[in-house]
Amino acid sequence: MSVVEDDVHVYALTTCPWCRKTKQWFTDSKIAFEAIDIDTLEGDEQDAAADKAFELSGGRRFPVTVINGEVIVGFNPSKFLEHLKGWGG
């Protein structure tokens, strides 16, 4: 059985409990993801990441998860699974 690589990015804030829960869900599920903790970035990098999260979510809501180009706002494991190729999405 081949391993399917999903493209997963989580835009988060370190102070957000739902962001921590989302990152923990991906970790516990052994799904590789890139976490972008906006509040730990600085200057232009922080502005760019915050603007991207705002653009993706349509507001200042976190976490913003992008799985294979599909945007999911908030902690929603059933939606995560729906868009993960390796999980029948």
PDB file of N, CA and C in Angstrom:
ATOM      1  N   MET A   1       0.848  -1.185   0.000  1.00  0.00           N
ATOM      2  CA  MET A   1       0.000   0.000   0.000  1.00  0.00           C
ATOM      3  C   MET A   1       0.890   1.243   0.000  1.00  0.00           C
ATOM      4  N   SER A   2       0.625   2.150  -0.914  1.00  0.00           N
ATOM      5  CA  SER A   2       1.453   3.352  -0.998  1.00  0.00           C
ATOM      6  C   SER A   2       0.934   4.425  -0.047  1.00  0.00           C
ATOM      7  N   VAL A   3       1.840   5.248   0.389  1.00  0.00           N
ATOM      8  CA  VAL A   3       1.485   6.347   1.286  1.00  0.00           C
ATOM      9  C   VAL A   3       1.071   7.539   0.438  1.00  0.00           C
ATOM     10  N   VAL A   4      -0.072   8.093   0.734  1.00  0.00           N
ATOM     11  CA  VAL A   4      -0.573   9.261   0.010  1.00  0.00           C
ATOM     12  C   VAL A   4      -0.176  10.502   0.791  1.00  0.00           C
ATOM     13  N   GLU A   5       0.469  11.423   0.107  1.00  0.00           N
ATOM     14  CA  GLU A   5       0.868  12.664   0.750  1.00  0.00           C
ATOM     15  C   GLU A   5      -0.199  13.723   0.525  1.00  0.00           C
ATOM     16  N   ASP A   6      -0.727  14.262   1.598  1.00  0.00           N
ATOM     17  CA  ASP A   6      -1.686  15.350   1.519  1.00  0.00           C
ATOM     18  C   ASP A   6      -0.965  16.660   1.785  1.00  0.00           C
ATOM     19  N   ASP A   7      -1.467  17.718   1.157  1.00  0.00           N
ATOM     20  CA  ASP A   7      -0.929  19.056   1.362  1.00  0.00           C
ATOM     21  C   ASP A   7      -1.790  19.722   2.432  1.00  0.00           C
ATOM     22  N   VAL A   8      -1.247  19.811   3.654  1.00  0.00           N
ATOM     23  CA  VAL A   8      -2.027  20.314   4.787  1.00  0.00           C
ATOM     24  C   VAL A   8      -1.289  21.473   5.452  1.00  0.00           C
ATOM     25  N   HIS A   9      -1.989  22.610   5.568  1.00  0.00           N
ATOM     26  CA  HIS A   9      -1.451  23.786   6.256  1.00  0.00           C
ATOM     27  C   HIS A   9      -2.474  24.234   7.293  1.00  0.00           C
ATOM     28  N   VAL A  10      -1.990  24.548   8.488  1.00  0.00           N
ATOM     29  CA  VAL A  10      -2.865  25.032   9.550  1.00  0.00           C
ATOM     30  C   VAL A  10      -2.382  26.420   9.960  1.00  0.00           C
ATOM     31  N   TYR A  11      -3.218  27.427   9.690  1.00  0.00           N
ATOM     32  CA  TYR A  11      -2.947  28.791  10.144  1.00  0.00           C
ATOM     33  C   TYR A  11      -3.558  28.908  11.525  1.00  0.00           C
ATOM     34  N   ALA A  12      -2.724  29.267  12.509  1.00  0.00           N
ATOM     35  CA  ALA A  12      -3.162  29.200  13.897  1.00  0.00           C
ATOM     36  C   ALA A  12      -2.574  30.333  14.727  1.00  0.00           C
ATOM     37  N   LEU A  13      -3.087  30.441  15.937  1.00  0.00           N
ATOM     38  CA  LEU A  13      -2.525  31.319  16.963  1.00  0.00           C
ATOM     39  C   LEU A  13      -2.166  30.434  18.148  1.00  0.00           C
ATOM     40  N   THR A  14      -1.037  30.691  18.776  1.00  0.00           N
ATOM     41  CA  THR A  14      -0.615  29.858  19.903  1.00  0.00           C
ATOM     42  C   THR A  14      -1.553  30.007  21.098  1.00  0.00           C
ATOM     43  N   THR A  15      -2.305  31.109  21.159  1.00  0.00           N
ATOM     44  CA  THR A  15      -3.216  31.363  22.278  1.00  0.00           C
ATOM     45  C   THR A  15      -4.610  30.776  22.060  1.00  0.00           C
ATOM     46  N   CYS A  16      -4.848  30.183  20.907  1.00  0.00           N
ATOM     47  CA  CYS A  16      -6.173  29.684  20.531  1.00  0.00           C
ATOM     48  C   CYS A  16      -6.318  28.204  20.892  1.00  0.00           C
ATOM     49  N   PRO A  17      -7.256  27.868  21.813  1.00  0.00           N
ATOM     50  CA  PRO A  17      -7.412  26.460  22.197  1.00  0.00           C
ATOM     51  C   PRO A  17      -7.863  25.569  21.038  1.00  0.00           C
ATOM     52  N   TRP A  18      -8.697  26.062  20.135  1.00  0.00           N
ATOM     53  CA  TRP A  18      -9.140  25.259  18.994  1.00  0.00           C
ATOM     54  C   TRP A  18      -8.011  25.038  18.007  1.00  0.00           C
ATOM     55  N   CYS A  19      -7.102  25.991  17.931  1.00  0.00           N
ATOM     56  CA  CYS A  19      -5.910  25.828  17.077  1.00  0.00           C
ATOM     57  C   CYS A  19      -5.031  24.707  17.628  1.00  0.00           C
ATOM     58  N   ARG A  20      -4.812  24.715  18.938  1.00  0.00           N
ATOM     59  CA  ARG A  20      -4.006  23.659  19.569  1.00  0.00           C
ATOM     60  C   ARG A  20      -4.667  22.301  19.372  1.00  0.00           C
ATOM     61  N   LYS A  21      -5.984  22.258  19.509  1.00  0.00           N
ATOM     62  CA  LYS A  21      -6.734  21.009  19.351  1.00  0.00           C
ATOM     63  C   LYS A  21      -6.608  20.501  17.905  1.00  0.00           C
ATOM     64  N   THR A  22      -6.665  21.406  16.939  1.00  0.00           N
ATOM     65  CA  THR A  22      -6.536  21.029  15.526  1.00  0.00           C
ATOM     66  C   THR A  22      -5.150  20.448  15.250  1.00  0.00           C
ATOM     67  N   LYS A  23      -4.117  21.136  15.710  1.00  0.00           N
ATOM     68  CA  LYS A  23      -2.746  20.646  15.487  1.00  0.00           C
ATOM     69  C   LYS A  23      -2.536  19.302  16.181  1.00  0.00           C
ATOM     70  N   GLN A  24      -3.107  19.137  17.372  1.00  0.00           N
ATOM     71  CA  GLN A  24      -2.977  17.872  18.101  1.00  0.00           C
ATOM     72  C   GLN A  24      -3.696  16.756  17.355  1.00  0.00           C
ATOM     73  N   TRP A  25      -4.853  17.060  16.754  1.00  0.00           N
ATOM     74  CA  TRP A  25      -5.605  16.059  15.994  1.00  0.00           C
ATOM     75  C   TRP A  25      -4.766  15.534  14.834  1.00  0.00           C
ATOM     76  N   PHE A  26      -4.127  16.437  14.084  1.00  0.00           N
ATOM     77  CA  PHE A  26      -3.279  16.000  12.966  1.00  0.00           C
ATOM     78  C   PHE A  26      -2.080  15.205  13.465  1.00  0.00           C
ATOM     79  N   THR A  27      -1.487  15.641  14.572  1.00  0.00           N
ATOM     80  CA  THR A  27      -0.352  14.918  15.152  1.00  0.00           C
ATOM     81  C   THR A  27      -0.776  13.524  15.596  1.00  0.00           C
ATOM     82  N   ASP A  28      -1.881  13.434  16.345  1.00  0.00           N
ATOM     83  CA  ASP A  28      -2.375  12.147  16.834  1.00  0.00           C
ATOM     84  C   ASP A  28      -2.778  11.221  15.684  1.00  0.00           C
ATOM     85  N   SER A  29      -3.266  11.806  14.594  1.00  0.00           N
ATOM     86  CA  SER A  29      -3.693  11.026  13.426  1.00  0.00           C
ATOM     87  C   SER A  29      -2.521  10.671  12.512  1.00  0.00           C
ATOM     88  N   LYS A  30      -1.319  11.122  12.898  1.00  0.00           N
ATOM     89  CA  LYS A  30      -0.091  10.861  12.134  1.00  0.00           C
ATOM     90  C   LYS A  30      -0.199  11.372  10.694  1.00  0.00           C
ATOM     91  N   ILE A  31      -0.769  12.576  10.573  1.00  0.00           N
ATOM     92  CA  ILE A  31      -0.909  13.237   9.281  1.00  0.00           C
ATOM     93  C   ILE A  31       0.056  14.416   9.269  1.00  0.00           C
ATOM     94  N   ALA A  32       0.962  14.414   8.303  1.00  0.00           N
ATOM     95  CA  ALA A  32       1.946  15.500   8.202  1.00  0.00           C
ATOM     96  C   ALA A  32       1.226  16.801   7.853  1.00  0.00           C
ATOM     97  N   PHE A  33       1.640  17.870   8.514  1.00  0.00           N
ATOM     98  CA  PHE A  33       1.047  19.179   8.238  1.00  0.00           C
ATOM     99  C   PHE A  33       2.062  20.265   8.538  1.00  0.00           C
ATOM    100  N   GLU A  34       1.827  21.424   7.926  1.00  0.00           N
ATOM    101  CA  GLU A  34       2.653  22.588   8.230  1.00  0.00           C
ATOM    102  C   GLU A  34       1.827  23.518   9.087  1.00  0.00           C
ATOM    103  N   ALA A  35       2.333  23.843  10.272  1.00  0.00           N
ATOM    104  CA  ALA A  35       1.648  24.780  11.162  1.00  0.00           C
ATOM    105  C   ALA A  35       2.247  26.164  10.962  1.00  0.00           C
ATOM    106  N   ILE A  36       1.388  27.125  10.726  1.00  0.00           N
ATOM    107  CA  ILE A  36       1.819  28.518  10.618  1.00  0.00           C
ATOM    108  C   ILE A  36       1.227  29.238  11.824  1.00  0.00           C
ATOM    109  N   ASP A  37       2.031  29.391  12.878  1.00  0.00           N
ATOM    110  CA  ASP A  37       1.585  30.081  14.092  1.00  0.00           C
ATOM    111  C   ASP A  37       1.824  31.570  13.880  1.00  0.00           C
ATOM    112  N   ILE A  38       0.777  32.254  13.476  1.00  0.00           N
ATOM    113  CA  ILE A  38       0.885  33.645  13.041  1.00  0.00           C
ATOM    114  C   ILE A  38       1.468  34.544  14.116  1.00  0.00           C
ATOM    115  N   ASP A  39       1.069  34.323  15.373  1.00  0.00           N
ATOM    116  CA  ASP A  39       1.535  35.205  16.445  1.00  0.00           C
ATOM    117  C   ASP A  39       2.998  34.997  16.832  1.00  0.00           C
ATOM    118  N   THR A  40       3.660  33.994  16.257  1.00  0.00           N
ATOM    119  CA  THR A  40       5.089  33.811  16.536  1.00  0.00           C
ATOM    120  C   THR A  40       5.960  34.377  15.421  1.00  0.00           C
ATOM    121  N   LEU A  41       5.321  34.786  14.319  1.00  0.00           N
ATOM    122  CA  LEU A  41       6.062  35.386  13.213  1.00  0.00           C
ATOM    123  C   LEU A  41       6.287  36.864  13.495  1.00  0.00           C
ATOM    124  N   GLU A  42       7.156  37.488  12.710  1.00  0.00           N
ATOM    125  CA  GLU A  42       7.450  38.903  12.933  1.00  0.00           C
ATOM    126  C   GLU A  42       7.337  39.697  11.646  1.00  0.00           C
ATOM    127  N   GLY A  43       7.008  40.968  11.794  1.00  0.00           N
ATOM    128  CA  GLY A  43       7.049  41.925  10.689  1.00  0.00           C
ATOM    129  C   GLY A  43       6.232  41.526   9.477  1.00  0.00           C
ATOM    130  N   ASP A  44       6.870  41.648   8.314  1.00  0.00           N
ATOM    131  CA  ASP A  44       6.199  41.378   7.039  1.00  0.00           C
ATOM    132  C   ASP A  44       5.713  39.940   6.936  1.00  0.00           C
ATOM    133  N   GLU A  45       6.484  39.016   7.524  1.00  0.00           N
ATOM    134  CA  GLU A  45       6.105  37.602   7.481  1.00  0.00           C
ATOM    135  C   GLU A  45       4.788  37.388   8.243  1.00  0.00           C
ATOM    136  N   GLN A  46       4.652  38.034   9.399  1.00  0.00           N
ATOM    137  CA  GLN A  46       3.423  37.932  10.173  1.00  0.00           C
ATOM    138  C   GLN A  46       2.256  38.573   9.422  1.00  0.00           C
ATOM    139  N   ASP A  47       2.490  39.753   8.852  1.00  0.00           N
ATOM    140  CA  ASP A  47       1.440  40.443   8.097  1.00  0.00           C
ATOM    141  C   ASP A  47       0.962  39.601   6.927  1.00  0.00           C
ATOM    142  N   ALA A  48       1.889  39.001   6.202  1.00  0.00           N
ATOM    143  CA  ALA A  48       1.537  38.184   5.038  1.00  0.00           C
ATOM    144  C   ALA A  48       0.729  36.957   5.452  1.00  0.00           C
ATOM    145  N   ALA A  49       1.139  36.285   6.529  1.00  0.00           N
ATOM    146  CA  ALA A  49       0.427  35.092   6.999  1.00  0.00           C
ATOM    147  C   ALA A  49      -0.967  35.465   7.517  1.00  0.00           C
ATOM    148  N   ALA A  50      -1.071  36.569   8.243  1.00  0.00           N
ATOM    149  CA  ALA A  50      -2.369  37.018   8.763  1.00  0.00           C
ATOM    150  C   ALA A  50      -3.299  37.390   7.614  1.00  0.00           C
ATOM    151  N   ASP A  51      -2.761  38.077   6.609  1.00  0.00           N
ATOM    152  CA  ASP A  51      -3.560  38.446   5.435  1.00  0.00           C
ATOM    153  C   ASP A  51      -4.046  37.205   4.693  1.00  0.00           C
ATOM    154  N   LYS A  52      -3.180  36.204   4.560  1.00  0.00           N
ATOM    155  CA  LYS A  52      -3.542  34.969   3.865  1.00  0.00           C
ATOM    156  C   LYS A  52      -4.650  34.236   4.624  1.00  0.00           C
ATOM    157  N   ALA A  53      -4.521  34.127   5.947  1.00  0.00           N
ATOM    158  CA  ALA A  53      -5.545  33.465   6.762  1.00  0.00           C
ATOM    159  C   ALA A  53      -6.878  34.212   6.653  1.00  0.00           C
ATOM    160  N   PHE A  54      -6.819  35.544   6.657  1.00  0.00           N
ATOM    161  CA  PHE A  54      -8.031  36.359   6.535  1.00  0.00           C
ATOM    162  C   PHE A  54      -8.688  36.129   5.172  1.00  0.00           C
ATOM    163  N   GLU A  55      -7.871  36.112   4.136  1.00  0.00           N
ATOM    164  CA  GLU A  55      -8.357  35.893   2.768  1.00  0.00           C
ATOM    165  C   GLU A  55      -9.015  34.512   2.641  1.00  0.00           C
ATOM    166  N   LEU A  56      -8.384  33.502   3.216  1.00  0.00           N
ATOM    167  CA  LEU A  56      -8.906  32.133   3.134  1.00  0.00           C
ATOM    168  C   LEU A  56     -10.210  31.958   3.907  1.00  0.00           C
ATOM    169  N   SER A  57     -10.286  32.565   5.092  1.00  0.00           N
ATOM    170  CA  SER A  57     -11.429  32.329   5.977  1.00  0.00           C
ATOM    171  C   SER A  57     -12.543  33.350   5.818  1.00  0.00           C
ATOM    172  N   GLY A  58     -12.236  34.475   5.195  1.00  0.00           N
ATOM    173  CA  GLY A  58     -13.227  35.524   5.067  1.00  0.00           C
ATOM    174  C   GLY A  58     -13.411  36.326   6.341  1.00  0.00           C
ATOM    175  N   GLY A  59     -12.477  36.203   7.247  1.00  0.00           N
ATOM    176  CA  GLY A  59     -12.561  36.942   8.506  1.00  0.00           C
ATOM    177  C   GLY A  59     -11.401  36.598   9.409  1.00  0.00           C
ATOM    178  N   ARG A  60     -11.458  37.077  10.623  1.00  0.00           N
ATOM    179  CA  ARG A  60     -10.399  36.782  11.594  1.00  0.00           C
ATOM    180  C   ARG A  60     -10.844  35.629  12.479  1.00  0.00           C
ATOM    181  N   ARG A  61     -10.920  34.455  11.867  1.00  0.00           N
ATOM    182  CA  ARG A  61     -11.340  33.252  12.582  1.00  0.00           C
ATOM    183  C   ARG A  61     -10.231  32.215  12.483  1.00  0.00           C
ATOM    184  N   PHE A  62     -10.023  31.504  13.577  1.00  0.00           N
ATOM    185  CA  PHE A  62      -8.958  30.501  13.617  1.00  0.00           C
ATOM    186  C   PHE A  62      -9.479  29.243  14.279  1.00  0.00           C
ATOM    187  N   PRO A  63      -8.870  28.107  13.976  1.00  0.00           N
ATOM    188  CA  PRO A  63      -7.820  27.894  12.983  1.00  0.00           C
ATOM    189  C   PRO A  63      -8.392  27.888  11.560  1.00  0.00           C
ATOM    190  N   VAL A  64      -7.493  28.117  10.610  1.00  0.00           N
ATOM    191  CA  VAL A  64      -7.822  27.992   9.191  1.00  0.00           C
ATOM    192  C   VAL A  64      -6.945  26.859   8.663  1.00  0.00           C
ATOM    193  N   THR A  65      -7.584  25.781   8.247  1.00  0.00           N
ATOM    194  CA  THR A  65      -6.861  24.618   7.741  1.00  0.00           C
ATOM    195  C   THR A  65      -7.097  24.505   6.247  1.00  0.00           C
ATOM    196  N   VAL A  66      -6.015  24.308   5.503  1.00  0.00           N
ATOM    197  CA  VAL A  66      -6.118  24.122   4.056  1.00  0.00           C
ATOM    198  C   VAL A  66      -5.609  22.719   3.745  1.00  0.00           C
ATOM    199  N   ILE A  67      -6.507  21.889   3.206  1.00  0.00           N
ATOM    200  CA  ILE A  67      -6.160  20.505   2.868  1.00  0.00           C
ATOM    201  C   ILE A  67      -6.364  20.321   1.370  1.00  0.00           C
ATOM    202  N   ASN A  68      -5.265  20.108   0.664  1.00  0.00           N
ATOM    203  CA  ASN A  68      -5.327  19.898  -0.784  1.00  0.00           C
ATOM    204  C   ASN A  68      -6.158  20.991  -1.469  1.00  0.00           C
ATOM    205  N   GLY A  69      -5.970  22.231  -1.023  1.00  0.00           N
ATOM    206  CA  GLY A  69      -6.644  23.368  -1.631  1.00  0.00           C
ATOM    207  C   GLY A  69      -8.020  23.693  -1.066  1.00  0.00           C
ATOM    208  N   GLU A  70      -8.558  22.833  -0.194  1.00  0.00           N
ATOM    209  CA  GLU A  70      -9.878  23.057   0.406  1.00  0.00           C
ATOM    210  C   GLU A  70      -9.708  23.721   1.777  1.00  0.00           C
ATOM    211  N   VAL A  71     -10.485  24.767   2.035  1.00  0.00           N
ATOM    212  CA  VAL A  71     -10.377  25.532   3.273  1.00  0.00           C
ATOM    213  C   VAL A  71     -11.422  25.069   4.280  1.00  0.00           C
ATOM    214  N   ILE A  72     -10.963  24.798   5.505  1.00  0.00           N
ATOM    215  CA  ILE A  72     -11.854  24.444   6.608  1.00  0.00           C
ATOM    216  C   ILE A  72     -11.550  25.423   7.742  1.00  0.00           C
ATOM    217  N   VAL A  73     -12.576  26.128   8.206  1.00  0.00           N
ATOM    218  CA  VAL A  73     -12.397  27.075   9.302  1.00  0.00           C
ATOM    219  C   VAL A  73     -12.914  26.421  10.575  1.00  0.00           C
ATOM    220  N   GLY A  74     -12.091  26.463  11.623  1.00  0.00           N
ATOM    221  CA  GLY A  74     -12.468  25.876  12.900  1.00  0.00           C
ATOM    222  C   GLY A  74     -11.974  24.442  13.023  1.00  0.00           C
ATOM    223  N   PHE A  75     -12.296  23.839  14.160  1.00  0.00           N
ATOM    224  CA  PHE A  75     -11.907  22.453  14.437  1.00  0.00           C
ATOM    225  C   PHE A  75     -13.027  21.558  13.950  1.00  0.00           C
ATOM    226  N   ASN A  76     -12.778  20.801  12.875  1.00  0.00           N
ATOM    227  CA  ASN A  76     -13.827  19.995  12.261  1.00  0.00           C
ATOM    228  C   ASN A  76     -13.229  18.710  11.682  1.00  0.00           C
ATOM    229  N   PRO A  77     -12.945  17.708  12.535  1.00  0.00           N
ATOM    230  CA  PRO A  77     -12.304  16.479  12.073  1.00  0.00           C
ATOM    231  C   PRO A  77     -13.037  15.779  10.929  1.00  0.00           C
ATOM    232  N   SER A  78     -14.369  15.803  10.920  1.00  0.00           N
ATOM    233  CA  SER A  78     -15.077  15.129   9.820  1.00  0.00           C
ATOM    234  C   SER A  78     -14.796  15.818   8.495  1.00  0.00           C
ATOM    235  N   LYS A  79     -14.682  17.144   8.498  1.00  0.00           N
ATOM    236  CA  LYS A  79     -14.315  17.877   7.273  1.00  0.00           C
ATOM    237  C   LYS A  79     -12.864  17.600   6.902  1.00  0.00           C
ATOM    238  N   PHE A  80     -11.986  17.509   7.906  1.00  0.00           N
ATOM    239  CA  PHE A  80     -10.579  17.199   7.618  1.00  0.00           C
ATOM    240  C   PHE A  80     -10.513  15.869   6.863  1.00  0.00           C
ATOM    241  N   LEU A  81     -11.183  14.857   7.403  1.00  0.00           N
ATOM    242  CA  LEU A  81     -11.148  13.518   6.802  1.00  0.00           C
ATOM    243  C   LEU A  81     -11.742  13.518   5.395  1.00  0.00           C
ATOM    244  N   GLU A  82     -12.752  14.332   5.196  1.00  0.00           N
ATOM    245  CA  GLU A  82     -13.415  14.424   3.895  1.00  0.00           C
ATOM    246  C   GLU A  82     -12.443  14.854   2.789  1.00  0.00           C
ATOM    247  N   HIS A  83     -11.475  15.690   3.148  1.00  0.00           N
ATOM    248  CA  HIS A  83     -10.570  16.249   2.147  1.00  0.00           C
ATOM    249  C   HIS A  83      -9.192  15.599   2.108  1.00  0.00           C
ATOM    250  N   LEU A  84      -8.929  14.655   2.994  1.00  0.00           N
ATOM    251  CA  LEU A  84      -7.643  13.950   2.999  1.00  0.00           C
ATOM    252  C   LEU A  84      -7.692  12.778   2.032  1.00  0.00           C
ATOM    253  N   LYS A  85      -6.827  12.796   1.042  1.00  0.00           N
ATOM    254  CA  LYS A  85      -6.781  11.727   0.035  1.00  0.00           C
ATOM    255  C   LYS A  85      -6.508  10.370   0.671  1.00  0.00           C
ATOM    256  N   GLY A  86      -5.587  10.360   1.626  1.00  0.00           N
ATOM    257  CA  GLY A  86      -5.184   9.122   2.269  1.00  0.00           C
ATOM    258  C   GLY A  86      -6.255   8.493   3.141  1.00  0.00           C
ATOM    259  N   TRP A  87      -7.355   9.234   3.386  1.00  0.00           N
ATOM    260  CA  TRP A  87      -8.418   8.742   4.257  1.00  0.00           C
ATOM    261  C   TRP A  87      -9.727   8.583   3.486  1.00  0.00           C
ATOM    262  N   GLY A  88      -9.617   8.420   2.186  1.00  0.00           N
ATOM    263  CA  GLY A  88     -10.814   8.168   1.383  1.00  0.00           C
ATOM    264  C   GLY A  88     -11.527   9.422   0.927  1.00  0.00           C
ATOM    265  N   GLY A  89     -10.869  10.601   1.097  1.00  0.00           N
ATOM    266  CA  GLY A  89     -11.501  11.853   0.700  1.00  0.00           C
ATOM    267  C   GLY A  89     -11.481  12.075  -0.781  1.00  0.00           C
TER     268      GLY A  89
END
